[in-house]
Amino acid sequence: MTSFDGRTLASSAASAVPLLVHGRRRVKEGLVDEFKERFSSLAASSTRPGSGIHAMFAFADHDDPRVFWHVFWSAGASSFAHDASQQESLAAYYESSEQDPDALDCYGGGAGGLAAGAG
């Protein structure tokens, strides 16, 4: 276990710009089981120590089994963007389109450009 004195912790907090992304995504008909397997695998590999991605969750909506609520927490936009190529592999499972987009809310990390591309 690493211990921090007050100065080290304050310095680390001042330099970190964490990113939190959450929202509702629709999975295409007939792909829910595949999506669950792929997401689980991706979350396990992406949240390894030192990756900068602290958590990735997707849980089914109570009213619609094809809707999943997503939560991503990372050290910053750069660590989230670093794994974007892997996350794009999930894109084939989502029903979202330019005409009918799913929207994700982004907080922190200076994610102005990332928020526009997340839907």
Foldseek 3Di string as FASTA:
>chain_A
DDDDDPVVVVVVVVPWWKKKKKFKFFFDPPCLVVLVVLQVVCQVVCCPPPLQWPGWDWDADPVDRRMIIIITIGRAPVSVVVCVVSVVVSVVGTPADPVRHTAMDMDIRPCPVVRVVPD
